[in-house]
Amino acid sequence: MSSSSAKTARYGSWKSPITSDLIVAQSISLSDVCLDGEHLYWLEGRPQDQGRNVVVRAGSDGRPTDITPPPYNARTRVHEYGGGSWTVHNGTVYFCNFADGRLYCQEPGVSEPRALTPEPSARGRQRRYADGMIDARRNRWIGVREDHTADGEPVNAIVAVDLGAASGPGHVLASGHDFYASPRLSPDGRWLAWLAWDHPNMPWNGTRLYLGKLSQDGAISEPEPIAGGATESIFQPEWSPDGAQIALVSDRSGWWNLYSLDLATRAMRALAPMAAEFGLPQWLLGMSTYAFAGPKRIVCAYSQGGLGCVAVLDLATETLTPIAIPFTEFGSMRAAGPAS
């Protein structure tokens, strides 16, 4: 630099040529891996595209294809921190759009997404959607809705949104708590499990796992809390492939460990008790640290001694076998296929 271009400024007031925009412009973030049949999907956060979040699919040749067209942004602000903004079922992607909070359907071969929920109110107040899954039997999306259309604190609920052409804001399935997460439909479509908690708790302080029977018209009857409480944190409930049990992560021992909840007896059994964390602070919705890889096997990630590990849990012998890989941080654990 020549002396004529040099400038002197007071300590702490000089302007650096290295801006935050320059640092993050090419830092694409990858998250929310999802498997749908033989296809792999994920979410890309793109700072160079005004921070837009795009659902991407890997083709049969491994090459990525953008699924979310501009200007749509697959991002939600449910619980403010968001997460779980999209899901995919049989090639159709369902996502919450950041600008208007509406739930959209992006069908294969169709260039423009179709809105499933109404526009924001006249005052611009949104209903936001997240952490959803598809109830194929009843042709509906089930997930968390956060309603900002009335005065006061936003209202959270588990809702069902019809996937037909003329749809409303969603039919309430479960309500009454301050926060909801992780709706999970049983393999036979007859039961729904979900998490709920209330102020002043954060989800890592205490959550309750609920179970409700789905009636013929899709409403929930006989909902009951089956695990957790104000001082026990439950994380990521998942149905076993046979529907007889629910796997979950609980901190009842002081560590977030994996458990199996038998639905016939309501008994909980630790699957791999150890001084390790199989759960995570649920700042975001849709987090996943384990997945069933067949009826008798779980692939899981956990943190022990400050380092992340991946292992396979054999449910028949309750043996945990670490997998030797050169990484120490993991997320979006997913599995698919008929592996036994």
Protein backbone atom coordinates (compact mmCIF):
# COMPACT_ATOMS: atom_id res chain seq x y z
CA MET A 1 0.00 0.00 0.00
CA SER A 2 1.38 3.40 -0.97
CA SER A 3 1.80 6.12 1.66
CA SER A 4 -0.76 8.31 -0.19
CA SER A 5 -3.53 5.72 0.31
CA ALA A 6 -2.74 4.99 3.98
CA LYS A 7 -5.13 6.47 6.54
CA THR A 8 -4.83 6.91 10.28
CA ALA A 9 -7.81 6.26 12.54
CA ARG A 10 -8.37 6.13 16.27
CA TYR A 11 -8.04 2.77 17.96
CA GLY A 12 -11.15 0.63 17.36
CA SER A 13 -12.61 2.93 14.70
CA TRP A 14 -10.74 1.76 11.61
CA LYS A 15 -12.71 0.05 8.84
CA SER A 16 -11.49 -3.38 7.84
CA PRO A 17 -11.67 -4.45 4.19
CA ILE A 18 -12.66 -7.89 5.50
CA THR A 19 -16.43 -7.58 5.92
CA SER A 20 -18.90 -10.08 7.32
CA ASP A 21 -20.44 -10.34 3.84
CA LEU A 22 -17.05 -11.27 2.41
CA ILE A 23 -16.55 -13.97 5.05
CA VAL A 24 -19.91 -15.73 4.64
CA ALA A 25 -20.64 -15.08 0.94
CA GLN A 26 -19.52 -18.56 -0.13
CA SER A 27 -20.26 -20.37 3.16
CA ILE A 28 -23.17 -22.57 2.14
CA SER A 29 -24.64 -24.40 5.13
CA LEU A 30 -25.94 -27.96 4.83
CA SER A 31 -28.58 -29.37 7.19
CA ASP A 32 -31.78 -31.41 7.53
CA VAL A 33 -30.81 -34.49 5.56
CA CYS A 34 -33.87 -36.50 4.52
CA LEU A 35 -34.32 -39.81 2.72
CA ASP A 36 -37.30 -40.42 0.44
CA GLY A 37 -37.24 -43.75 -1.33
CA GLU A 38 -33.94 -43.91 -3.21
CA HIS A 39 -33.43 -40.16 -3.18
CA LEU A 40 -31.40 -38.02 -0.80
CA TYR A 41 -32.58 -34.50 0.09
CA TRP A 42 -31.05 -31.76 2.21
CA LEU A 43 -31.41 -28.06 2.98
CA GLU A 44 -28.87 -25.48 1.81
CA GLY A 45 -28.55 -22.04 3.39
CA ARG A 46 -27.13 -19.64 0.80
CA PRO A 47 -25.79 -16.27 2.02
CA GLN A 48 -25.04 -15.25 -1.56
CA ASP A 49 -28.77 -15.57 -2.34
CA GLN A 50 -30.00 -13.20 0.39
CA GLY A 51 -29.80 -16.06 2.88
CA ARG A 52 -32.40 -18.15 1.05
CA ASN A 53 -32.86 -21.77 2.21
CA VAL A 54 -33.26 -24.22 -0.66
CA VAL A 55 -34.31 -27.87 -0.60
CA VAL A 56 -31.90 -29.86 -2.80
CA ARG A 57 -32.18 -33.39 -4.13
CA ALA A 58 -29.39 -35.67 -5.29
CA GLY A 59 -30.23 -37.37 -8.57
CA SER A 60 -29.42 -40.96 -9.49
CA ASP A 61 -26.09 -39.71 -10.80
CA GLY A 62 -25.38 -37.89 -7.53
CA ARG A 63 -25.72 -34.44 -9.08
CA PRO A 64 -27.71 -31.91 -7.00
CA THR A 65 -30.96 -30.37 -8.24
CA ASP A 66 -32.66 -27.40 -6.59
CA ILE A 67 -36.24 -28.18 -5.61
CA THR A 68 -37.25 -24.85 -4.04
CA PRO A 69 -37.56 -22.20 -6.80
CA PRO A 70 -36.77 -18.52 -6.16
CA PRO A 71 -37.94 -16.43 -4.43
CA TYR A 72 -39.31 -19.10 -2.06
CA ASN A 73 -37.33 -19.63 1.13
CA ALA A 74 -37.81 -22.94 3.00
CA ARG A 75 -37.43 -21.46 6.46
CA THR A 76 -39.69 -21.10 9.48
CA ARG A 77 -39.68 -19.05 12.65
CA VAL A 78 -41.81 -21.32 14.82
CA HIS A 79 -40.44 -20.96 18.38
CA GLU A 80 -38.44 -18.11 16.76
CA TYR A 81 -35.40 -20.37 16.23
CA GLY A 82 -37.19 -22.42 13.59
CA GLY A 83 -35.98 -25.75 12.24
CA GLY A 84 -38.05 -28.52 10.69
CA SER A 85 -39.18 -26.19 7.92
CA TRP A 86 -39.82 -28.92 5.34
CA THR A 87 -40.45 -32.58 4.69
CA VAL A 88 -40.73 -34.81 1.64
CA HIS A 89 -43.05 -37.70 0.80
CA ASN A 90 -43.05 -39.69 -2.45
CA GLY A 91 -41.12 -36.95 -4.23
CA THR A 92 -43.37 -34.08 -3.14
CA VAL A 93 -41.79 -31.47 -0.87
CA TYR A 94 -43.83 -29.59 1.74
CA PHE A 95 -42.27 -26.45 3.20
CA CYS A 96 -42.96 -23.32 5.18
CA ASN A 97 -42.09 -20.15 3.27
CA PHE A 98 -40.23 -17.56 5.34
CA ALA A 99 -41.78 -14.42 3.83
CA ASP A 100 -45.44 -15.24 4.51
CA GLY A 101 -45.27 -18.22 6.91
CA ARG A 102 -47.57 -20.28 4.68
CA LEU A 103 -47.25 -24.01 4.10
CA TYR A 104 -46.56 -24.92 0.45
CA CYS A 105 -46.55 -28.08 -1.63
CA GLN A 106 -43.88 -28.51 -4.34
CA GLU A 107 -44.86 -31.38 -6.62
CA PRO A 108 -42.43 -33.13 -9.00
CA GLY A 109 -42.38 -31.55 -12.44
CA VAL A 110 -44.40 -28.49 -11.33
CA SER A 111 -42.46 -25.24 -11.42
CA GLU A 112 -44.58 -23.22 -8.99
CA PRO A 113 -45.30 -24.33 -5.41
CA ARG A 114 -48.96 -24.52 -4.35
CA ALA A 115 -50.05 -22.81 -1.13
CA LEU A 116 -51.85 -25.08 1.33
CA THR A 117 -52.67 -22.50 4.01
CA PRO A 118 -54.17 -18.97 3.89
CA GLU A 119 -52.32 -15.72 3.44
CA PRO A 120 -51.32 -13.64 6.48
CA SER A 121 -54.02 -11.45 8.02
CA ALA A 122 -54.77 -7.93 6.82
CA ARG A 123 -52.32 -6.67 9.44
CA GLY A 124 -49.63 -9.00 8.10
CA ARG A 125 -49.83 -11.42 11.02
CA GLN A 126 -48.75 -14.93 10.14
CA ARG A 127 -49.49 -18.51 10.95
CA ARG A 128 -46.20 -20.41 10.85
CA TYR A 129 -45.68 -24.14 10.33
CA ALA A 130 -42.88 -26.57 11.20
CA ASP A 131 -41.84 -30.09 12.18
CA GLY A 132 -44.35 -31.72 9.86
CA MET A 133 -44.96 -35.19 8.49
CA ILE A 134 -47.42 -36.65 6.00
CA ASP A 135 -50.42 -38.74 7.03
CA ALA A 136 -50.86 -40.45 3.66
CA ARG A 137 -53.89 -42.45 4.74
CA ARG A 138 -55.87 -39.26 5.46
CA ASN A 139 -54.14 -37.08 2.83
CA ARG A 140 -52.92 -34.46 5.27
CA TRP A 141 -49.85 -32.79 6.75
CA ILE A 142 -49.50 -33.02 10.55
CA GLY A 143 -47.16 -30.65 12.35
CA VAL A 144 -46.68 -27.66 14.62
CA ARG A 145 -48.55 -24.42 13.94
CA GLU A 146 -47.68 -21.15 15.65
CA ASP A 147 -50.54 -18.65 15.30
CA HIS A 148 -49.66 -14.95 15.44
CA THR A 149 -52.98 -13.66 14.08
CA ALA A 150 -54.46 -12.58 17.44
CA ASP A 151 -53.19 -10.13 20.04
CA GLY A 152 -51.04 -11.46 22.84
CA GLU A 153 -48.65 -14.38 22.92
CA PRO A 154 -48.62 -16.65 19.85
CA VAL A 155 -50.63 -19.85 20.20
CA ASN A 156 -48.93 -23.18 19.50
CA ALA A 157 -50.74 -26.38 18.56
CA ILE A 158 -50.43 -29.65 16.67
CA VAL A 159 -52.59 -29.28 13.56
CA ALA A 160 -53.59 -31.23 10.47
CA VAL A 161 -53.62 -29.46 7.09
CA ASP A 162 -55.62 -31.02 4.26
CA LEU A 163 -53.51 -31.56 1.15
CA GLY A 164 -56.47 -30.93 -1.13
CA ALA A 165 -56.91 -27.84 -3.29
CA ALA A 166 -59.08 -25.80 -0.91
CA SER A 167 -57.46 -25.79 2.51
CA GLY A 168 -57.68 -23.67 5.64
CA PRO A 169 -55.15 -22.87 8.39
CA GLY A 170 -55.29 -26.41 9.80
CA HIS A 171 -57.52 -28.42 12.12
CA VAL A 172 -56.27 -28.47 15.73
CA LEU A 173 -55.40 -31.95 17.00
CA ALA A 174 -53.68 -31.02 20.29
CA SER A 175 -53.54 -27.72 22.16
CA GLY A 176 -53.35 -26.22 25.63
CA HIS A 177 -49.57 -26.15 26.13
CA ASP A 178 -47.19 -23.29 25.36
CA PHE A 179 -44.98 -25.30 23.00
CA TYR A 180 -45.21 -28.43 20.84
CA ALA A 181 -42.75 -30.54 18.86
CA SER A 182 -42.09 -33.92 17.27
CA PRO A 183 -45.50 -35.21 16.13
CA ARG A 184 -44.96 -38.85 15.16
CA LEU A 185 -47.54 -41.08 13.46
CA SER A 186 -47.51 -44.80 14.28
CA PRO A 187 -46.72 -47.22 11.42
CA ASP A 188 -50.37 -48.33 11.24
CA GLY A 189 -51.64 -44.72 11.30
CA ARG A 190 -53.81 -45.31 14.39
CA TRP A 191 -51.81 -43.36 17.00
CA LEU A 192 -50.01 -40.05 17.25
CA ALA A 193 -47.21 -39.22 19.70
CA TRP A 194 -45.92 -35.71 20.36
CA LEU A 195 -43.96 -33.54 22.81
CA ALA A 196 -45.25 -30.54 24.76
CA TRP A 197 -43.90 -28.20 27.42
CA ASP A 198 -44.75 -24.91 29.13
CA HIS A 199 -43.17 -21.72 30.39
CA PRO A 200 -40.78 -21.24 32.07
CA ASN A 201 -39.25 -24.53 30.89
CA MET A 202 -37.01 -24.85 27.92
CA PRO A 203 -37.23 -28.28 26.23
CA TRP A 204 -34.00 -29.41 27.88
CA ASN A 205 -35.52 -28.69 31.32
CA GLY A 206 -38.69 -30.71 31.02
CA THR A 207 -41.04 -31.99 28.32
CA ARG A 208 -43.96 -34.43 28.28
CA LEU A 209 -44.48 -37.16 25.73
CA TYR A 210 -48.16 -37.58 24.82
CA LEU A 211 -49.95 -40.38 23.04
CA GLY A 212 -53.35 -40.05 21.41
CA LYS A 213 -55.56 -42.44 19.47
CA LEU A 214 -56.69 -41.26 16.05
CA SER A 215 -60.37 -41.76 15.38
CA GLN A 216 -61.77 -42.62 11.97
CA ASP A 217 -62.18 -38.94 11.07
CA GLY A 218 -58.58 -38.20 12.10
CA ALA A 219 -59.29 -36.43 15.40
CA ILE A 220 -57.37 -37.38 18.54
CA SER A 221 -59.20 -39.17 21.32
CA GLU A 222 -57.96 -40.32 24.71
CA PRO A 223 -54.73 -38.25 24.75
CA GLU A 224 -52.52 -39.05 27.72
CA PRO A 225 -49.01 -38.20 28.95
CA ILE A 226 -46.90 -41.35 28.91
CA ALA A 227 -43.38 -40.11 29.75
CA GLY A 228 -41.44 -37.08 30.90
CA GLY A 229 -42.56 -34.19 33.04
CA ALA A 230 -41.60 -30.77 34.34
CA THR A 231 -38.16 -32.00 35.42
CA GLU A 232 -37.45 -34.70 32.81
CA SER A 233 -36.44 -33.83 29.27
CA ILE A 234 -37.69 -36.10 26.49
CA PHE A 235 -36.07 -35.71 23.06
CA GLN A 236 -36.90 -37.19 19.63
CA PRO A 237 -39.58 -39.84 20.14
CA GLU A 238 -39.67 -42.38 17.29
CA TRP A 239 -41.93 -45.37 16.66
CA SER A 240 -40.35 -48.78 16.32
CA PRO A 241 -41.03 -50.35 12.91
CA ASP A 242 -43.54 -52.80 14.44
CA GLY A 243 -45.37 -50.01 16.32
CA ALA A 244 -45.18 -51.82 19.66
CA GLN A 245 -42.69 -49.43 21.24
CA ILE A 246 -41.56 -45.83 21.13
CA ALA A 247 -37.85 -45.09 21.28
CA LEU A 248 -36.86 -41.81 22.90
CA VAL A 249 -34.04 -39.95 24.59
CA SER A 250 -34.51 -39.05 28.28
CA ASP A 251 -32.27 -37.32 30.83
CA ARG A 252 -33.85 -39.08 33.83
CA SER A 253 -30.45 -40.56 34.79
CA GLY A 254 -28.67 -37.22 34.52
CA TRP A 255 -27.49 -38.10 31.01
CA TRP A 256 -29.50 -38.00 27.80
CA ASN A 257 -29.68 -41.74 27.12
CA LEU A 258 -31.71 -43.88 24.73
CA TYR A 259 -34.79 -45.66 26.10
CA SER A 260 -37.54 -47.89 24.82
CA LEU A 261 -41.11 -47.33 26.02
CA ASP A 262 -43.31 -50.42 25.84
CA LEU A 263 -46.82 -49.26 24.96
CA ALA A 264 -48.53 -52.30 26.46
CA THR A 265 -47.00 -51.90 29.93
CA ARG A 266 -45.81 -48.24 29.79
CA ALA A 267 -42.45 -49.50 31.12
CA MET A 268 -39.29 -47.66 30.07
CA ARG A 269 -36.05 -49.55 29.55
CA ALA A 270 -32.61 -48.00 29.09
CA LEU A 271 -31.10 -49.32 25.85
CA ALA A 272 -27.48 -48.25 26.28
CA PRO A 273 -27.01 -46.67 29.72
CA MET A 274 -23.75 -44.74 29.82
CA ALA A 275 -22.19 -41.39 30.74
CA ALA A 276 -22.87 -39.89 27.32
CA GLU A 277 -25.36 -37.55 25.68
CA PHE A 278 -27.57 -39.08 22.99
CA GLY A 279 -29.75 -35.95 22.89
CA LEU A 280 -29.19 -32.29 22.13
CA PRO A 281 -30.55 -28.98 23.42
CA GLN A 282 -33.60 -28.57 21.21
CA TRP A 283 -33.07 -25.01 20.03
CA LEU A 284 -34.38 -26.08 16.62
CA LEU A 285 -37.24 -28.33 15.59
CA GLY A 286 -36.63 -31.45 13.54
CA MET A 287 -33.34 -32.43 15.20
CA SER A 288 -32.33 -36.09 14.90
CA THR A 289 -29.54 -37.99 16.65
CA TYR A 290 -30.66 -41.54 15.88
CA ALA A 291 -32.73 -43.58 13.43
CA PHE A 292 -34.11 -47.10 13.11
CA ALA A 293 -32.17 -49.04 10.49
CA GLY A 294 -34.53 -51.98 10.53
CA PRO A 295 -36.62 -53.57 13.31
CA LYS A 296 -33.67 -54.60 15.49
CA ARG A 297 -31.08 -51.94 14.86
CA ILE A 298 -30.62 -48.23 15.63
CA VAL A 299 -27.89 -46.03 14.19
CA CYS A 300 -27.11 -43.25 16.66
CA ALA A 301 -24.83 -40.33 17.38
CA TYR A 302 -23.75 -39.34 20.88
CA SER A 303 -21.25 -37.14 22.66
CA GLN A 304 -18.82 -38.60 25.18
CA GLY A 305 -15.90 -36.78 26.73
CA GLY A 306 -16.62 -33.79 24.52
CA LEU A 307 -16.30 -35.72 21.26
CA GLY A 308 -19.06 -36.94 18.97
CA CYS A 309 -19.34 -40.62 18.09
CA VAL A 310 -21.49 -42.76 15.80
CA ALA A 311 -22.52 -46.29 16.71
CA VAL A 312 -24.91 -49.11 15.87
CA LEU A 313 -27.18 -50.35 18.65
CA ASP A 314 -28.30 -53.97 18.34
CA LEU A 315 -31.71 -54.07 20.02
CA ALA A 316 -31.73 -57.84 20.37
CA THR A 317 -28.57 -57.88 22.49
CA GLU A 318 -28.61 -54.19 23.53
CA THR A 319 -25.00 -53.99 22.40
CA LEU A 320 -23.60 -50.65 21.25
CA THR A 321 -20.85 -50.92 18.63
CA PRO A 322 -18.99 -47.69 17.73
CA ILE A 323 -18.20 -47.01 14.08
CA ALA A 324 -14.65 -45.84 13.42
CA ILE A 325 -14.89 -42.71 11.27
CA PRO A 326 -12.67 -39.60 11.28
CA PHE A 327 -15.32 -37.10 12.38
CA THR A 328 -16.33 -35.74 15.77
CA GLU A 329 -19.62 -33.91 15.17
CA PHE A 330 -22.81 -35.31 13.67
CA GLY A 331 -26.38 -34.30 12.90
CA SER A 332 -29.46 -35.31 10.89
CA MET A 333 -29.15 -39.03 11.55
CA ARG A 334 -31.45 -40.76 9.05
CA ALA A 335 -31.91 -44.30 7.83
CA ALA A 336 -34.09 -45.97 5.20
CA GLY A 337 -34.50 -49.36 3.58
CA PRO A 338 -35.35 -52.90 4.70
CA ALA A 339 -32.12 -53.53 6.64
CA SER A 340 -32.59 -56.07 9.43
